[in-house]
N, C-alpha and C. Protein backbone atom coordinates (compact mmCIF):
# COMPACT_ATOMS: atom_id res chain seq x y z
N MET A 1 -10.66 14.17 2.80
CA MET A 1 -10.39 15.24 2.77
C MET A 1 -10.03 16.10 1.83
N MET A 2 -10.21 17.50 1.58
CA MET A 2 -9.97 18.60 0.47
C MET A 2 -8.98 19.31 0.58
N ILE A 3 -8.37 18.97 -0.67
CA ILE A 3 -7.03 19.82 -0.81
C ILE A 3 -6.74 20.55 -1.91
N GLU A 4 -5.89 21.37 -2.27
CA GLU A 4 -5.97 22.54 -3.39
C GLU A 4 -4.85 22.23 -4.17
N VAL A 5 -5.03 21.76 -5.40
CA VAL A 5 -4.19 21.68 -6.44
C VAL A 5 -3.69 22.87 -7.32
N VAL A 6 -2.28 22.95 -7.41
CA VAL A 6 -2.18 24.40 -8.12
C VAL A 6 -1.56 23.60 -10.25
N LEU A 7 -2.29 24.14 -10.76
CA LEU A 7 -1.85 23.62 -12.10
C LEU A 7 -1.09 24.91 -12.73
N ASN A 8 -0.38 24.72 -13.27
CA ASN A 8 0.76 26.13 -14.23
C ASN A 8 0.64 25.24 -15.77
N ASP A 9 0.09 26.27 -16.93
CA ASP A 9 -0.17 25.56 -18.12
C ASP A 9 1.04 26.36 -18.69
N ARG A 10 2.17 27.01 -17.76
CA ARG A 10 3.37 27.41 -18.48
C ARG A 10 3.33 28.81 -19.55
N LEU A 11 2.53 28.90 -19.59
CA LEU A 11 1.87 29.98 -20.50
C LEU A 11 1.59 31.13 -19.54
N GLY A 12 1.95 31.21 -18.17
CA GLY A 12 1.37 32.38 -17.84
C GLY A 12 0.43 32.40 -16.84
N GLU A 13 -0.62 31.12 -16.59
CA GLU A 13 -1.73 30.94 -16.11
C GLU A 13 -1.90 29.88 -15.76
N LYS A 14 -2.06 30.34 -14.13
CA LYS A 14 -2.19 29.29 -12.85
C LYS A 14 -3.65 28.95 -12.45
N VAL A 15 -4.04 27.77 -12.60
CA VAL A 15 -5.52 27.20 -12.31
C VAL A 15 -5.33 26.43 -10.65
N ARG A 16 -6.05 27.09 -9.94
CA ARG A 16 -6.18 26.93 -8.53
C ARG A 16 -7.38 25.73 -8.72
N VAL A 17 -7.14 24.19 -7.71
CA VAL A 17 -8.38 24.06 -7.87
C VAL A 17 -8.46 23.16 -6.48
N LYS A 18 -9.74 23.08 -5.81
CA LYS A 18 -10.32 22.46 -4.80
C LYS A 18 -10.43 20.88 -4.89
N CYS A 19 -10.04 19.92 -4.60
CA CYS A 19 -10.55 18.57 -4.44
C CYS A 19 -10.60 17.96 -3.68
N ASN A 20 -11.37 16.58 -3.83
CA ASN A 20 -10.55 15.35 -2.59
C ASN A 20 -9.58 14.82 -2.94
N GLU A 21 -8.70 14.26 -1.85
CA GLU A 21 -7.37 13.50 -2.44
C GLU A 21 -7.96 12.42 -2.93
N ASP A 22 -9.24 11.43 -3.01
CA ASP A 22 -9.62 10.37 -3.21
C ASP A 22 -10.42 10.33 -4.52
N ASP A 23 -10.07 11.88 -5.13
CA ASP A 23 -10.59 12.05 -6.78
C ASP A 23 -9.37 11.44 -7.58
N THR A 24 -10.11 10.96 -8.69
CA THR A 24 -9.47 10.68 -9.72
C THR A 24 -8.86 11.61 -10.66
N ILE A 25 -7.78 11.40 -11.08
CA ILE A 25 -6.93 12.38 -12.13
C ILE A 25 -8.26 12.79 -13.25
N GLY A 26 -9.31 12.21 -13.81
CA GLY A 26 -10.29 12.52 -14.65
C GLY A 26 -11.05 13.62 -14.17
N ASP A 27 -11.50 13.39 -12.42
CA ASP A 27 -12.49 14.24 -11.94
C ASP A 27 -11.64 15.19 -12.34
N LEU A 28 -10.34 15.46 -11.59
CA LEU A 28 -9.30 16.63 -11.87
C LEU A 28 -9.64 17.39 -12.70
N LYS A 29 -9.39 16.53 -14.09
CA LYS A 29 -9.72 17.05 -15.31
C LYS A 29 -11.04 17.92 -15.75
N LYS A 30 -12.03 16.99 -14.70
CA LYS A 30 -13.43 17.80 -15.48
C LYS A 30 -13.36 19.15 -14.44
N LEU A 31 -13.16 19.14 -13.24
CA LEU A 31 -13.21 20.58 -12.44
C LEU A 31 -11.92 21.90 -13.21
N VAL A 32 -10.96 21.04 -13.80
CA VAL A 32 -9.93 22.08 -14.44
C VAL A 32 -10.84 22.40 -15.74
N ALA A 33 -11.54 21.85 -16.30
CA ALA A 33 -12.25 21.85 -17.53
C ALA A 33 -13.30 23.02 -17.35
N ALA A 34 -14.09 22.83 -16.38
CA ALA A 34 -15.14 24.20 -15.74
C ALA A 34 -14.58 25.13 -15.60
N GLN A 35 -13.15 25.40 -14.97
CA GLN A 35 -12.58 26.55 -14.48
C GLN A 35 -12.53 27.45 -15.84
N THR A 36 -11.77 26.54 -16.92
CA THR A 36 -10.69 27.18 -17.94
C THR A 36 -11.68 26.98 -19.26
N GLY A 37 -12.53 26.72 -19.18
CA GLY A 37 -13.37 26.22 -20.73
C GLY A 37 -12.79 25.56 -21.55
N THR A 38 -11.69 24.78 -21.22
CA THR A 38 -11.29 23.71 -22.13
C THR A 38 -11.73 22.46 -22.02
N ARG A 39 -12.26 21.45 -23.24
CA ARG A 39 -12.70 20.31 -23.20
C ARG A 39 -11.77 19.11 -21.79
N ALA A 40 -12.19 18.83 -21.06
CA ALA A 40 -11.85 17.66 -20.51
C ALA A 40 -10.88 16.73 -21.18
N GLU A 41 -11.28 16.18 -22.38
CA GLU A 41 -10.31 15.20 -22.72
C GLU A 41 -9.11 15.79 -23.70
N LYS A 42 -9.03 17.38 -23.74
CA LYS A 42 -7.89 17.91 -24.17
C LYS A 42 -6.79 18.42 -23.15
N ILE A 43 -7.20 18.03 -22.06
CA ILE A 43 -6.42 18.43 -20.62
C ILE A 43 -5.12 17.30 -20.34
N ARG A 44 -3.97 17.73 -20.24
CA ARG A 44 -3.08 16.51 -19.89
C ARG A 44 -2.28 16.84 -18.70
N PHE A 45 -2.38 16.56 -17.37
CA PHE A 45 -1.08 16.87 -16.25
C PHE A 45 0.09 15.87 -16.24
N GLN A 46 1.10 16.70 -15.98
CA GLN A 46 2.40 16.28 -16.35
C GLN A 46 3.32 16.68 -14.90
N LYS A 47 4.31 15.81 -14.54
CA LYS A 47 5.54 16.23 -13.70
C LYS A 47 6.61 16.03 -13.91
N TRP A 48 7.16 16.70 -14.58
CA TRP A 48 8.23 16.24 -15.16
C TRP A 48 7.67 15.13 -16.37
N TYR A 49 8.72 14.00 -16.54
CA TYR A 49 7.96 13.31 -17.69
C TYR A 49 6.93 11.96 -17.38
N ASN A 50 6.50 12.34 -16.10
CA ASN A 50 5.60 11.60 -15.86
C ASN A 50 4.06 11.87 -16.21
N ILE A 51 3.77 11.46 -16.73
CA ILE A 51 1.92 11.88 -17.35
C ILE A 51 1.03 11.11 -16.62
N TYR A 52 0.19 11.64 -15.77
CA TYR A 52 -0.87 11.27 -14.95
C TYR A 52 -2.16 10.55 -15.81
N LYS A 53 -2.39 9.58 -15.30
CA LYS A 53 -3.63 8.43 -15.87
C LYS A 53 -4.82 8.72 -15.42
N ASP A 54 -5.91 8.57 -16.00
CA ASP A 54 -7.16 9.32 -15.55
C ASP A 54 -7.84 8.69 -14.47
N HIS A 55 -7.56 7.25 -14.35
CA HIS A 55 -8.33 6.64 -13.52
C HIS A 55 -7.53 6.22 -12.00
N ILE A 56 -6.25 7.00 -12.16
CA ILE A 56 -5.49 6.51 -10.68
C ILE A 56 -6.01 8.13 -9.88
N THR A 57 -6.05 7.52 -8.45
CA THR A 57 -6.28 8.59 -7.83
C THR A 57 -5.51 9.54 -7.25
N LEU A 58 -5.51 10.77 -6.81
CA LEU A 58 -4.49 11.77 -6.35
C LEU A 58 -3.85 10.97 -5.27
N GLN A 59 -4.53 10.62 -4.45
CA GLN A 59 -4.02 9.84 -3.08
C GLN A 59 -2.98 8.77 -3.87
N ASP A 60 -3.13 8.11 -4.68
CA ASP A 60 -2.34 6.95 -5.09
C ASP A 60 -0.89 7.56 -5.86
N TYR A 61 -1.18 8.86 -6.46
CA TYR A 61 -0.18 9.50 -6.84
C TYR A 61 0.91 10.55 -5.67
N TRP A 62 0.61 10.52 -4.60
CA TRP A 62 0.88 11.20 -3.48
C TRP A 62 0.71 12.76 -3.60
N ILE A 63 -0.26 13.08 -4.56
CA ILE A 63 -0.83 14.56 -4.61
C ILE A 63 -1.33 14.97 -2.98
N HIS A 64 -0.79 15.98 -2.76
CA HIS A 64 -0.92 16.57 -1.54
C HIS A 64 -1.60 18.36 -1.68
N ASP A 65 -2.24 18.67 -0.70
CA ASP A 65 -2.19 20.00 -0.70
C ASP A 65 -1.31 20.90 -0.72
N GLY A 66 -1.57 22.01 -1.85
CA GLY A 66 -0.51 22.67 -2.07
C GLY A 66 0.13 22.43 -2.95
N MET A 67 0.02 21.43 -3.66
CA MET A 67 1.07 20.68 -4.60
C MET A 67 0.45 21.16 -6.32
N GLY A 68 2.02 21.22 -7.04
CA GLY A 68 2.09 22.15 -8.36
C GLY A 68 2.26 20.84 -9.52
N LEU A 69 1.18 20.78 -10.56
CA LEU A 69 1.36 20.37 -11.66
C LEU A 69 1.49 21.18 -12.83
N GLU A 70 2.05 20.48 -14.22
CA GLU A 70 1.90 21.15 -15.12
C GLU A 70 0.79 20.57 -15.52
N LEU A 71 0.26 21.55 -16.50
CA LEU A 71 -0.89 21.55 -17.31
C LEU A 71 -0.88 21.44 -18.59
N TYR A 72 -1.01 20.62 -19.28
CA TYR A 72 -0.75 20.83 -21.11
C TYR A 72 -2.32 20.78 -21.74
N TYR A 73 -2.08 21.16 -23.11
CA TYR A 73 -3.27 21.16 -23.71
C TYR A 73 -3.31 20.52 -25.11
N ASN A 74 -3.68 19.05 -25.16
CA ASN A 74 -3.67 18.10 -26.37
C ASN A 74 -4.17 19.03 -27.62
C-alpha cells in the first residue's frame, strides 16, 4: 500500500515522499535524495532520539500514512 511520509529538516524545508509500507528506510533515503539532491548516505531519519536503521522496513517501525519524521544531514 502506498503511503506518504513527511520529512522535516527543521531548517524550514518539508519533503513529502510517496513510498510503500514494505520499503526499507534505505529505500526511503534514496527517494528523499532524488528529491533534495543530497546523497542518500548523508541523510539520517530520526523521531525524538530514535535513529532509524537502513535495513528495517517502514512497516516494522510503525511508520504510517501522513507520519512526520525528522530529517538530518550528516
